[in-house]
Amino acid sequence: MEDKKEKMHPFFKLLIILFFIFFAFYIALVSGYYPSRVQKKALVTNEKLQAFENDLNKDDNVIKKTGYIEEDVNYSNFVTKTGSALTNTLGKIIDKTSKGIKDVFKLLFW
């Protein structure tokens, strides 16, 4: 008797991976991770707004935007860089493939 393990179909592997990703995001949402991040950001914004209003009420009317607004925030991380590279690569592949298919149809029908 042969004991061969049946390999799982790649679609089902992908489905299981996507389920675990969904489950992780669901737990993060239910546990309040995302709302707490939004609330923290709003608190920082309110503090900066209060500081700006206090500076407006002072007799010195020279107000600079530095210190109130955070500029040049870099949101890139490993996931965004990888996603961007994947998107660019897929775009190039699809572009070349569509041109090749178009050339084949031109050859066949024109």
PDB file of N, CA and C in Angstrom:
ATOM      1  N   MET A   1       0.828  -1.181   0.000  1.00  0.00           N
ATOM      2  CA  MET A   1       0.000   0.000   0.000  1.00  0.00           C
ATOM      3  C   MET A   1       0.874   1.246   0.000  1.00  0.00           C
ATOM      4  N   GLU A   2       0.517   2.144  -0.822  1.00  0.00           N
ATOM      5  CA  GLU A   2       1.257   3.386  -0.894  1.00  0.00           C
ATOM      6  C   GLU A   2       0.578   4.436  -0.037  1.00  0.00           C
ATOM      7  N   ASP A   3       1.375   5.098   0.738  1.00  0.00           N
ATOM      8  CA  ASP A   3       0.848   6.171   1.577  1.00  0.00           C
ATOM      9  C   ASP A   3       1.228   7.509   0.956  1.00  0.00           C
ATOM     10  N   LYS A   4       0.468   7.910  -0.026  1.00  0.00           N
ATOM     11  CA  LYS A   4       0.718   9.197  -0.660  1.00  0.00           C
ATOM     12  C   LYS A   4      -0.182  10.243  -0.015  1.00  0.00           C
ATOM     13  N   LYS A   5       0.423  11.305   0.359  1.00  0.00           N
ATOM     14  CA  LYS A   5      -0.366  12.417   0.886  1.00  0.00           C
ATOM     15  C   LYS A   5      -0.881  13.218  -0.296  1.00  0.00           C
ATOM     16  N   GLU A   6      -2.136  13.518  -0.214  1.00  0.00           N
ATOM     17  CA  GLU A   6      -2.711  14.332  -1.277  1.00  0.00           C
ATOM     18  C   GLU A   6      -2.317  15.790  -1.050  1.00  0.00           C
ATOM     19  N   LYS A   7      -1.847  16.409  -2.090  1.00  0.00           N
ATOM     20  CA  LYS A   7      -1.470  17.813  -1.988  1.00  0.00           C
ATOM     21  C   LYS A   7      -2.721  18.671  -2.069  1.00  0.00           C
ATOM     22  N   MET A   8      -2.707  19.716  -1.287  1.00  0.00           N
ATOM     23  CA  MET A   8      -3.836  20.637  -1.288  1.00  0.00           C
ATOM     24  C   MET A   8      -3.768  21.517  -2.533  1.00  0.00           C
ATOM     25  N   HIS A   9      -4.899  21.754  -3.117  1.00  0.00           N
ATOM     26  CA  HIS A   9      -4.991  22.598  -4.303  1.00  0.00           C
ATOM     27  C   HIS A   9      -4.563  24.023  -3.940  1.00  0.00           C
ATOM     28  N   PRO A  10      -3.816  24.711  -4.811  1.00  0.00           N
ATOM     29  CA  PRO A  10      -3.338  26.074  -4.498  1.00  0.00           C
ATOM     30  C   PRO A  10      -4.462  27.057  -4.182  1.00  0.00           C
ATOM     31  N   PHE A  11      -5.623  26.875  -4.799  1.00  0.00           N
ATOM     32  CA  PHE A  11      -6.753  27.760  -4.516  1.00  0.00           C
ATOM     33  C   PHE A  11      -7.157  27.664  -3.052  1.00  0.00           C
ATOM     34  N   PHE A  12      -7.183  26.441  -2.524  1.00  0.00           N
ATOM     35  CA  PHE A  12      -7.583  26.266  -1.134  1.00  0.00           C
ATOM     36  C   PHE A  12      -6.507  26.798  -0.181  1.00  0.00           C
ATOM     37  N   LYS A  13      -5.240  26.694  -0.569  1.00  0.00           N
ATOM     38  CA  LYS A  13      -4.177  27.288   0.235  1.00  0.00           C
ATOM     39  C   LYS A  13      -4.356  28.795   0.315  1.00  0.00           C
ATOM     40  N   LEU A  14      -4.622  29.408  -0.847  1.00  0.00           N
ATOM     41  CA  LEU A  14      -4.843  30.848  -0.889  1.00  0.00           C
ATOM     42  C   LEU A  14      -6.067  31.232  -0.069  1.00  0.00           C
ATOM     43  N   LEU A  15      -7.110  30.435  -0.163  1.00  0.00           N
ATOM     44  CA  LEU A  15      -8.325  30.705   0.591  1.00  0.00           C
ATOM     45  C   LEU A  15      -8.068  30.661   2.095  1.00  0.00           C
ATOM     46  N   ILE A  16      -7.286  29.713   2.540  1.00  0.00           N
ATOM     47  CA  ILE A  16      -6.962  29.598   3.968  1.00  0.00           C
ATOM     48  C   ILE A  16      -6.123  30.792   4.419  1.00  0.00           C
ATOM     49  N   ILE A  17      -5.156  31.188   3.609  1.00  0.00           N
ATOM     50  CA  ILE A  17      -4.319  32.343   3.946  1.00  0.00           C
ATOM     51  C   ILE A  17      -5.161  33.608   4.038  1.00  0.00           C
ATOM     52  N   LEU A  18      -6.047  33.802   3.062  1.00  0.00           N
ATOM     53  CA  LEU A  18      -6.916  34.977   3.082  1.00  0.00           C
ATOM     54  C   LEU A  18      -7.854  34.959   4.286  1.00  0.00           C
ATOM     55  N   PHE A  19      -8.308  33.779   4.677  1.00  0.00           N
ATOM     56  CA  PHE A  19      -9.167  33.671   5.856  1.00  0.00           C
ATOM     57  C   PHE A  19      -8.408  34.102   7.103  1.00  0.00           C
ATOM     58  N   PHE A  20      -7.155  33.676   7.254  1.00  0.00           N
ATOM     59  CA  PHE A  20      -6.376  34.068   8.430  1.00  0.00           C
ATOM     60  C   PHE A  20      -6.088  35.570   8.441  1.00  0.00           C
ATOM     61  N   ILE A  21      -5.839  36.145   7.270  1.00  0.00           N
ATOM     62  CA  ILE A  21      -5.628  37.591   7.197  1.00  0.00           C
ATOM     63  C   ILE A  21      -6.901  38.322   7.597  1.00  0.00           C
ATOM     64  N   PHE A  22      -8.040  37.873   7.062  1.00  0.00           N
ATOM     65  CA  PHE A  22      -9.313  38.476   7.433  1.00  0.00           C
ATOM     66  C   PHE A  22      -9.551  38.351   8.931  1.00  0.00           C
ATOM     67  N   PHE A  23      -9.266  37.190   9.489  1.00  0.00           N
ATOM     68  CA  PHE A  23      -9.478  36.943  10.908  1.00  0.00           C
ATOM     69  C   PHE A  23      -8.606  37.875  11.756  1.00  0.00           C
ATOM     70  N   ALA A  24      -7.365  38.098  11.334  1.00  0.00           N
ATOM     71  CA  ALA A  24      -6.466  38.998  12.063  1.00  0.00           C
ATOM     72  C   ALA A  24      -7.000  40.428  12.034  1.00  0.00           C
ATOM     73  N   PHE A  25      -7.455  40.877  10.859  1.00  0.00           N
ATOM     74  CA  PHE A  25      -8.018  42.220  10.763  1.00  0.00           C
ATOM     75  C   PHE A  25      -9.303  42.347  11.580  1.00  0.00           C
ATOM     76  N   TYR A  26     -10.103  41.305  11.588  1.00  0.00           N
ATOM     77  CA  TYR A  26     -11.343  41.327  12.357  1.00  0.00           C
ATOM     78  C   TYR A  26     -11.050  41.442  13.850  1.00  0.00           C
ATOM     79  N   ILE A  27     -10.062  40.689  14.319  1.00  0.00           N
ATOM     80  CA  ILE A  27      -9.696  40.763  15.741  1.00  0.00           C
ATOM     81  C   ILE A  27      -9.170  42.160  16.070  1.00  0.00           C
ATOM     82  N   ALA A  28      -8.376  42.743  15.185  1.00  0.00           N
ATOM     83  CA  ALA A  28      -7.865  44.093  15.418  1.00  0.00           C
ATOM     84  C   ALA A  28      -9.003  45.101  15.491  1.00  0.00           C
ATOM     85  N   LEU A  29     -10.014  44.926  14.655  1.00  0.00           N
ATOM     86  CA  LEU A  29     -11.150  45.835  14.665  1.00  0.00           C
ATOM     87  C   LEU A  29     -11.986  45.664  15.926  1.00  0.00           C
ATOM     88  N   VAL A  30     -12.277  44.425  16.280  1.00  0.00           N
ATOM     89  CA  VAL A  30     -13.120  44.157  17.446  1.00  0.00           C
ATOM     90  C   VAL A  30     -12.408  44.566  18.738  1.00  0.00           C
ATOM     91  N   SER A  31     -11.099  44.369  18.798  1.00  0.00           N
ATOM     92  CA  SER A  31     -10.368  44.700  20.017  1.00  0.00           C
ATOM     93  C   SER A  31     -10.209  46.204  20.205  1.00  0.00           C
ATOM     94  N   GLY A  32     -10.525  46.983  19.184  1.00  0.00           N
ATOM     95  CA  GLY A  32     -10.459  48.436  19.308  1.00  0.00           C
ATOM     96  C   GLY A  32      -9.127  49.025  18.912  1.00  0.00           C
ATOM     97  N   TYR A  33      -8.299  48.263  18.230  1.00  0.00           N
ATOM     98  CA  TYR A  33      -6.985  48.768  17.832  1.00  0.00           C
ATOM     99  C   TYR A  33      -7.117  49.961  16.889  1.00  0.00           C
ATOM    100  N   TYR A  34      -7.897  49.828  15.848  1.00  0.00           N
ATOM    101  CA  TYR A  34      -8.027  50.904  14.870  1.00  0.00           C
ATOM    102  C   TYR A  34      -8.697  52.139  15.476  1.00  0.00           C
ATOM    103  N   PRO A  35      -9.828  51.995  16.184  1.00  0.00           N
ATOM    104  CA  PRO A  35     -10.430  53.195  16.790  1.00  0.00           C
ATOM    105  C   PRO A  35      -9.501  53.901  17.781  1.00  0.00           C
ATOM    106  N   SER A  36      -8.687  53.140  18.503  1.00  0.00           N
ATOM    107  CA  SER A  36      -7.764  53.785  19.443  1.00  0.00           C
ATOM    108  C   SER A  36      -6.693  54.573  18.691  1.00  0.00           C
ATOM    109  N   ARG A  37      -6.241  54.061  17.551  1.00  0.00           N
ATOM    110  CA  ARG A  37      -5.264  54.804  16.748  1.00  0.00           C
ATOM    111  C   ARG A  37      -5.866  56.093  16.210  1.00  0.00           C
ATOM    112  N   VAL A  38      -7.123  56.024  15.754  1.00  0.00           N
ATOM    113  CA  VAL A  38      -7.793  57.219  15.234  1.00  0.00           C
ATOM    114  C   VAL A  38      -7.998  58.228  16.353  1.00  0.00           C
ATOM    115  N   GLN A  39      -8.385  57.754  17.523  1.00  0.00           N
ATOM    116  CA  GLN A  39      -8.610  58.646  18.658  1.00  0.00           C
ATOM    117  C   GLN A  39      -7.302  59.313  19.087  1.00  0.00           C
ATOM    118  N   LYS A  40      -6.216  58.579  19.084  1.00  0.00           N
ATOM    119  CA  LYS A  40      -4.914  59.141  19.448  1.00  0.00           C
ATOM    120  C   LYS A  40      -4.508  60.218  18.459  1.00  0.00           C
ATOM    121  N   LYS A  41      -4.734  59.968  17.178  1.00  0.00           N
ATOM    122  CA  LYS A  41      -4.396  60.959  16.156  1.00  0.00           C
ATOM    123  C   LYS A  41      -5.264  62.209  16.322  1.00  0.00           C
ATOM    124  N   ALA A  42      -6.545  62.025  16.639  1.00  0.00           N
ATOM    125  CA  ALA A  42      -7.434  63.166  16.848  1.00  0.00           C
ATOM    126  C   ALA A  42      -6.995  63.970  18.064  1.00  0.00           C
ATOM    127  N   LEU A  43      -6.534  63.290  19.108  1.00  0.00           N
ATOM    128  CA  LEU A  43      -6.072  63.972  20.312  1.00  0.00           C
ATOM    129  C   LEU A  43      -4.856  64.835  20.003  1.00  0.00           C
ATOM    130  N   VAL A  44      -3.923  64.291  19.234  1.00  0.00           N
ATOM    131  CA  VAL A  44      -2.742  65.069  18.845  1.00  0.00           C
ATOM    132  C   VAL A  44      -3.163  66.259  18.007  1.00  0.00           C
ATOM    133  N   THR A  45      -4.108  66.065  17.107  1.00  0.00           N
ATOM    134  CA  THR A  45      -4.587  67.158  16.267  1.00  0.00           C
ATOM    135  C   THR A  45      -5.247  68.227  17.115  1.00  0.00           C
ATOM    136  N   ASN A  46      -6.059  67.821  18.095  1.00  0.00           N
ATOM    137  CA  ASN A  46      -6.707  68.793  18.971  1.00  0.00           C
ATOM    138  C   ASN A  46      -5.682  69.571  19.795  1.00  0.00           C
ATOM    139  N   GLU A  47      -4.626  68.896  20.239  1.00  0.00           N
ATOM    140  CA  GLU A  47      -3.572  69.585  20.990  1.00  0.00           C
ATOM    141  C   GLU A  47      -2.870  70.620  20.120  1.00  0.00           C
ATOM    142  N   LYS A  48      -2.585  70.282  18.878  1.00  0.00           N
ATOM    143  CA  LYS A  48      -1.935  71.219  17.955  1.00  0.00           C
ATOM    144  C   LYS A  48      -2.865  72.392  17.641  1.00  0.00           C
ATOM    145  N   LEU A  49      -4.152  72.116  17.503  1.00  0.00           N
ATOM    146  CA  LEU A  49      -5.128  73.166  17.239  1.00  0.00           C
ATOM    147  C   LEU A  49      -5.211  74.117  18.423  1.00  0.00           C
ATOM    148  N   GLN A  50      -5.204  73.579  19.630  1.00  0.00           N
ATOM    149  CA  GLN A  50      -5.242  74.405  20.839  1.00  0.00           C
ATOM    150  C   GLN A  50      -3.989  75.269  20.931  1.00  0.00           C
ATOM    151  N   ALA A  51      -2.829  74.704  20.612  1.00  0.00           N
ATOM    152  CA  ALA A  51      -1.592  75.488  20.637  1.00  0.00           C
ATOM    153  C   ALA A  51      -1.636  76.605  19.604  1.00  0.00           C
ATOM    154  N   PHE A  52      -2.187  76.326  18.431  1.00  0.00           N
ATOM    155  CA  PHE A  52      -2.312  77.348  17.389  1.00  0.00           C
ATOM    156  C   PHE A  52      -3.243  78.474  17.845  1.00  0.00           C
ATOM    157  N   GLU A  53      -4.362  78.114  18.465  1.00  0.00           N
ATOM    158  CA  GLU A  53      -5.299  79.131  18.951  1.00  0.00           C
ATOM    159  C   GLU A  53      -4.669  79.971  20.058  1.00  0.00           C
ATOM    160  N   ASN A  54      -3.878  79.346  20.917  1.00  0.00           N
ATOM    161  CA  ASN A  54      -3.197  80.103  21.971  1.00  0.00           C
ATOM    162  C   ASN A  54      -2.195  81.079  21.367  1.00  0.00           C
ATOM    163  N   ASP A  55      -1.499  80.656  20.322  1.00  0.00           N
ATOM    164  CA  ASP A  55      -0.558  81.549  19.665  1.00  0.00           C
ATOM    165  C   ASP A  55      -1.276  82.691  18.950  1.00  0.00           C
ATOM    166  N   LEU A  56      -2.473  82.448  18.468  1.00  0.00           N
ATOM    167  CA  LEU A  56      -3.254  83.512  17.831  1.00  0.00           C
ATOM    168  C   LEU A  56      -3.677  84.565  18.846  1.00  0.00           C
ATOM    169  N   ASN A  57      -3.974  84.152  20.062  1.00  0.00           N
ATOM    170  CA  ASN A  57      -4.455  85.073  21.093  1.00  0.00           C
ATOM    171  C   ASN A  57      -3.338  85.922  21.703  1.00  0.00           C
ATOM    172  N   LYS A  58      -2.098  85.570  21.439  1.00  0.00           N
ATOM    173  CA  LYS A  58      -0.979  86.339  21.963  1.00  0.00           C
ATOM    174  C   LYS A  58      -0.863  87.657  21.212  1.00  0.00           C
ATOM    175  N   ASP A  59      -0.180  88.596  21.823  1.00  0.00           N
ATOM    176  CA  ASP A  59      -0.009  89.911  21.198  1.00  0.00           C
ATOM    177  C   ASP A  59       0.901  89.860  19.979  1.00  0.00           C
ATOM    178  N   ASP A  60       1.846  88.937  19.984  1.00  0.00           N
ATOM    179  CA  ASP A  60       2.753  88.800  18.849  1.00  0.00           C
ATOM    180  C   ASP A  60       1.998  88.123  17.702  1.00  0.00           C
ATOM    181  N   ASN A  61       1.845  88.786  16.563  1.00  0.00           N
ATOM    182  CA  ASN A  61       1.037  88.271  15.461  1.00  0.00           C
ATOM    183  C   ASN A  61       1.826  87.449  14.450  1.00  0.00           C
ATOM    184  N   VAL A  62       3.098  87.215  14.702  1.00  0.00           N
ATOM    185  CA  VAL A  62       3.909  86.418  13.772  1.00  0.00           C
ATOM    186  C   VAL A  62       3.670  84.943  14.093  1.00  0.00           C
ATOM    187  N   ILE A  63       3.049  84.253  13.151  1.00  0.00           N
ATOM    188  CA  ILE A  63       2.726  82.838  13.351  1.00  0.00           C
ATOM    189  C   ILE A  63       3.347  82.055  12.200  1.00  0.00           C
ATOM    190  N   LYS A  64       4.052  81.020  12.570  1.00  0.00           N
ATOM    191  CA  LYS A  64       4.664  80.151  11.570  1.00  0.00           C
ATOM    192  C   LYS A  64       3.947  78.806  11.600  1.00  0.00           C
ATOM    193  N   LYS A  65       3.914  78.176  10.453  1.00  0.00           N
ATOM    194  CA  LYS A  65       3.208  76.896  10.398  1.00  0.00           C
ATOM    195  C   LYS A  65       4.009  75.746  10.989  1.00  0.00           C
ATOM    196  N   THR A  66       5.289  75.949  11.193  1.00  0.00           N
ATOM    197  CA  THR A  66       6.103  74.881  11.758  1.00  0.00           C
ATOM    198  C   THR A  66       5.677  74.611  13.197  1.00  0.00           C
ATOM    199  N   GLY A  67       5.588  73.373  13.510  1.00  0.00           N
ATOM    200  CA  GLY A  67       5.172  72.986  14.858  1.00  0.00           C
ATOM    201  C   GLY A  67       3.701  72.642  14.947  1.00  0.00           C
ATOM    202  N   TYR A  68       2.923  73.039  13.970  1.00  0.00           N
ATOM    203  CA  TYR A  68       1.491  72.749  13.991  1.00  0.00           C
ATOM    204  C   TYR A  68       1.129  71.597  13.058  1.00  0.00           C
ATOM    205  N   ILE A  69       1.771  71.588  11.908  1.00  0.00           N
ATOM    206  CA  ILE A  69       1.433  70.593  10.889  1.00  0.00           C
ATOM    207  C   ILE A  69       2.649  69.709  10.657  1.00  0.00           C
ATOM    208  N   GLU A  70       2.438  68.410  10.712  1.00  0.00           N
ATOM    209  CA  GLU A  70       3.514  67.483  10.403  1.00  0.00           C
ATOM    210  C   GLU A  70       3.532  67.261   8.892  1.00  0.00           C
ATOM    211  N   GLU A  71       4.644  67.624   8.295  1.00  0.00           N
ATOM    212  CA  GLU A  71       4.761  67.472   6.849  1.00  0.00           C
ATOM    213  C   GLU A  71       5.742  66.366   6.520  1.00  0.00           C
ATOM    214  N   ASP A  72       5.690  65.918   5.294  1.00  0.00           N
ATOM    215  CA  ASP A  72       6.593  64.886   4.792  1.00  0.00           C
ATOM    216  C   ASP A  72       6.553  63.625   5.640  1.00  0.00           C
ATOM    217  N   VAL A  73       5.361  63.161   5.909  1.00  0.00           N
ATOM    218  CA  VAL A  73       5.217  61.917   6.653  1.00  0.00           C
ATOM    219  C   VAL A  73       5.417  60.768   5.689  1.00  0.00           C
ATOM    220  N   ASN A  74       6.312  59.889   6.018  1.00  0.00           N
ATOM    221  CA  ASN A  74       6.616  58.753   5.160  1.00  0.00           C
ATOM    222  C   ASN A  74       5.803  57.554   5.640  1.00  0.00           C
ATOM    223  N   TYR A  75       4.859  57.139   4.845  1.00  0.00           N
ATOM    224  CA  TYR A  75       3.996  56.023   5.213  1.00  0.00           C
ATOM    225  C   TYR A  75       4.477  54.697   4.642  1.00  0.00           C
ATOM    226  N   SER A  76       5.603  54.707   3.962  1.00  0.00           N
ATOM    227  CA  SER A  76       6.048  53.479   3.321  1.00  0.00           C
ATOM    228  C   SER A  76       6.646  52.521   4.351  1.00  0.00           C
ATOM    229  N   ASN A  77       6.389  51.264   4.112  1.00  0.00           N
ATOM    230  CA  ASN A  77       6.974  50.192   4.909  1.00  0.00           C
ATOM    231  C   ASN A  77       7.194  49.015   3.971  1.00  0.00           C
ATOM    232  N   PHE A  78       7.551  47.887   4.521  1.00  0.00           N
ATOM    233  CA  PHE A  78       7.852  46.721   3.686  1.00  0.00           C
ATOM    234  C   PHE A  78       6.651  46.324   2.833  1.00  0.00           C
ATOM    235  N   VAL A  79       5.466  46.352   3.411  1.00  0.00           N
ATOM    236  CA  VAL A  79       4.273  45.912   2.692  1.00  0.00           C
ATOM    237  C   VAL A  79       3.954  46.865   1.545  1.00  0.00           C
ATOM    238  N   THR A  80       4.009  48.167   1.789  1.00  0.00           N
ATOM    239  CA  THR A  80       3.685  49.110   0.718  1.00  0.00           C
ATOM    240  C   THR A  80       4.728  49.081  -0.394  1.00  0.00           C
ATOM    241  N   LYS A  81       5.999  48.946  -0.009  1.00  0.00           N
ATOM    242  CA  LYS A  81       7.049  48.868  -1.034  1.00  0.00           C
ATOM    243  C   LYS A  81       6.899  47.608  -1.875  1.00  0.00           C
ATOM    244  N   THR A  82       6.614  46.488  -1.211  1.00  0.00           N
ATOM    245  CA  THR A  82       6.423  45.236  -1.933  1.00  0.00           C
ATOM    246  C   THR A  82       5.192  45.314  -2.832  1.00  0.00           C
ATOM    247  N   GLY A  83       4.100  45.870  -2.311  1.00  0.00           N
ATOM    248  CA  GLY A  83       2.886  46.017  -3.113  1.00  0.00           C
ATOM    249  C   GLY A  83       3.101  46.909  -4.314  1.00  0.00           C
ATOM    250  N   SER A  84       3.848  47.984  -4.125  1.00  0.00           N
ATOM    251  CA  SER A  84       4.138  48.886  -5.236  1.00  0.00           C
ATOM    252  C   SER A  84       4.997  48.204  -6.290  1.00  0.00           C
ATOM    253  N   ALA A  85       6.001  47.473  -5.849  1.00  0.00           N
ATOM    254  CA  ALA A  85       6.858  46.760  -6.806  1.00  0.00           C
ATOM    255  C   ALA A  85       6.064  45.696  -7.553  1.00  0.00           C
ATOM    256  N   LEU A  86       5.210  44.975  -6.844  1.00  0.00           N
ATOM    257  CA  LEU A  86       4.377  43.951  -7.472  1.00  0.00           C
ATOM    258  C   LEU A  86       3.429  44.570  -8.479  1.00  0.00           C
ATOM    259  N   THR A  87       2.818  45.683  -8.118  1.00  0.00           N
ATOM    260  CA  THR A  87       1.895  46.365  -9.027  1.00  0.00           C
ATOM    261  C   THR A  87       2.615  46.834 -10.286  1.00  0.00           C
ATOM    262  N   ASN A  88       3.790  47.421 -10.116  1.00  0.00           N
ATOM    263  CA  ASN A  88       4.553  47.881 -11.285  1.00  0.00           C
ATOM    264  C   ASN A  88       4.949  46.714 -12.183  1.00  0.00           C
ATOM    265  N   THR A  89       5.392  45.619 -11.583  1.00  0.00           N
ATOM    266  CA  THR A  89       5.788  44.450 -12.360  1.00  0.00           C
ATOM    267  C   THR A  89       4.597  43.868 -13.110  1.00  0.00           C
ATOM    268  N   LEU A  90       3.468  43.711 -12.413  1.00  0.00           N
ATOM    269  CA  LEU A  90       2.269  43.181 -13.067  1.00  0.00           C
ATOM    270  C   LEU A  90       1.795  44.106 -14.179  1.00  0.00           C
ATOM    271  N   GLY A  91       1.892  45.411 -13.961  1.00  0.00           N
ATOM    272  CA  GLY A  91       1.508  46.368 -14.996  1.00  0.00           C
ATOM    273  C   GLY A  91       2.339  46.218 -16.252  1.00  0.00           C
ATOM    274  N   LYS A  92       3.643  46.031 -16.070  1.00  0.00           N
ATOM    275  CA  LYS A  92       4.526  45.841 -17.225  1.00  0.00           C
ATOM    276  C   LYS A  92       4.205  44.543 -17.948  1.00  0.00           C
ATOM    277  N   ILE A  93       3.961  43.481 -17.189  1.00  0.00           N
ATOM    278  CA  ILE A  93       3.636  42.180 -17.797  1.00  0.00           C
ATOM    279  C   ILE A  93       2.332  42.268 -18.578  1.00  0.00           C
ATOM    280  N   ILE A  94       1.324  42.882 -17.979  1.00  0.00           N
ATOM    281  CA  ILE A  94       0.024  43.005 -18.647  1.00  0.00           C
ATOM    282  C   ILE A  94       0.151  43.873 -19.889  1.00  0.00           C
ATOM    283  N   ASP A  95       0.945  44.931 -19.806  1.00  0.00           N
ATOM    284  CA  ASP A  95       1.141  45.807 -20.958  1.00  0.00           C
ATOM    285  C   ASP A  95       1.782  45.050 -22.115  1.00  0.00           C
ATOM    286  N   LYS A  96       2.841  44.291 -21.814  1.00  0.00           N
ATOM    287  CA  LYS A  96       3.512  43.515 -22.861  1.00  0.00           C
ATOM    288  C   LYS A  96       2.597  42.429 -23.408  1.00  0.00           C
ATOM    289  N   THR A  97       1.843  41.775 -22.525  1.00  0.00           N
ATOM    290  CA  THR A  97       0.941  40.707 -22.957  1.00  0.00           C
ATOM    291  C   THR A  97      -0.165  41.262 -23.843  1.00  0.00           C
ATOM    292  N   SER A  98      -0.736  42.411 -23.447  1.00  0.00           N
ATOM    293  CA  SER A  98      -1.829  42.977 -24.254  1.00  0.00           C
ATOM    294  C   SER A  98      -1.322  43.402 -25.624  1.00  0.00           C
ATOM    295  N   LYS A  99      -0.104  43.925 -25.679  1.00  0.00           N
ATOM    296  CA  LYS A  99       0.457  44.288 -26.987  1.00  0.00           C
ATOM    297  C   LYS A  99       0.671  43.045 -27.840  1.00  0.00           C
ATOM    298  N   GLY A 100       1.150  41.960 -27.217  1.00  0.00           N
ATOM    299  CA  GLY A 100       1.362  40.716 -27.951  1.00  0.00           C
ATOM    300  C   GLY A 100       0.059  40.136 -28.465  1.00  0.00           C
ATOM    301  N   ILE A 101      -0.963  40.161 -27.649  1.00  0.00           N
ATOM    302  CA  ILE A 101      -2.276  39.643 -28.058  1.00  0.00           C
ATOM    303  C   ILE A 101      -2.848  40.502 -29.178  1.00  0.00           C
ATOM    304  N   LYS A 102      -2.674  41.805 -29.057  1.00  0.00           N
ATOM    305  CA  LYS A 102      -3.156  42.711 -30.101  1.00  0.00           C
ATOM    306  C   LYS A 102      -2.454  42.420 -31.426  1.00  0.00           C
ATOM    307  N   ASP A 103      -1.152  42.176 -31.366  1.00  0.00           N
ATOM    308  CA  ASP A 103      -0.401  41.854 -32.579  1.00  0.00           C
ATOM    309  C   ASP A 103      -0.868  40.540 -33.191  1.00  0.00           C
ATOM    310  N   VAL A 104      -1.187  39.575 -32.378  1.00  0.00           N
ATOM    311  CA  VAL A 104      -1.680  38.288 -32.880  1.00  0.00           C
ATOM    312  C   VAL A 104      -3.012  38.482 -33.590  1.00  0.00           C
ATOM    313  N   PHE A 105      -3.927  39.263 -32.970  1.00  0.00           N
ATOM    314  CA  PHE A 105      -5.217  39.502 -33.618  1.00  0.00           C
ATOM    315  C   PHE A 105      -5.065  40.291 -34.907  1.00  0.00           C
ATOM    316  N   LYS A 106      -4.128  41.218 -34.932  1.00  0.00           N
ATOM    317  CA  LYS A 106      -3.876  41.964 -36.190  1.00  0.00           C
ATOM    318  C   LYS A 106      -3.397  41.019 -37.274  1.00  0.00           C
ATOM    319  N   LEU A 107      -2.532  40.118 -36.901  1.00  0.00           N
ATOM    320  CA  LEU A 107      -2.004  39.151 -37.863  1.00  0.00           C
ATOM    321  C   LEU A 107      -3.097  38.237 -38.384  1.00  0.00           C
ATOM    322  N   LEU A 108      -4.003  37.815 -37.510  1.00  0.00           N
ATOM    323  CA  LEU A 108      -5.053  36.882 -37.898  1.00  0.00           C
ATOM    324  C   LEU A 108      -6.177  37.541 -38.691  1.00  0.00           C
ATOM    325  N   PHE A 109      -6.581  38.733 -38.326  1.00  0.00           N
ATOM    326  CA  PHE A 109      -7.801  39.307 -38.900  1.00  0.00           C
ATOM    327  C   PHE A 109      -7.578  40.518 -39.802  1.00  0.00           C
ATOM    328  N   TRP A 110      -6.378  41.059 -39.895  1.00  0.00           N
ATOM    329  CA  TRP A 110      -6.205  42.219 -40.748  1.00  0.00           C
ATOM    330  C   TRP A 110      -5.236  41.934 -41.824  1.00  0.00           C
TER     331      TRP A 110
END
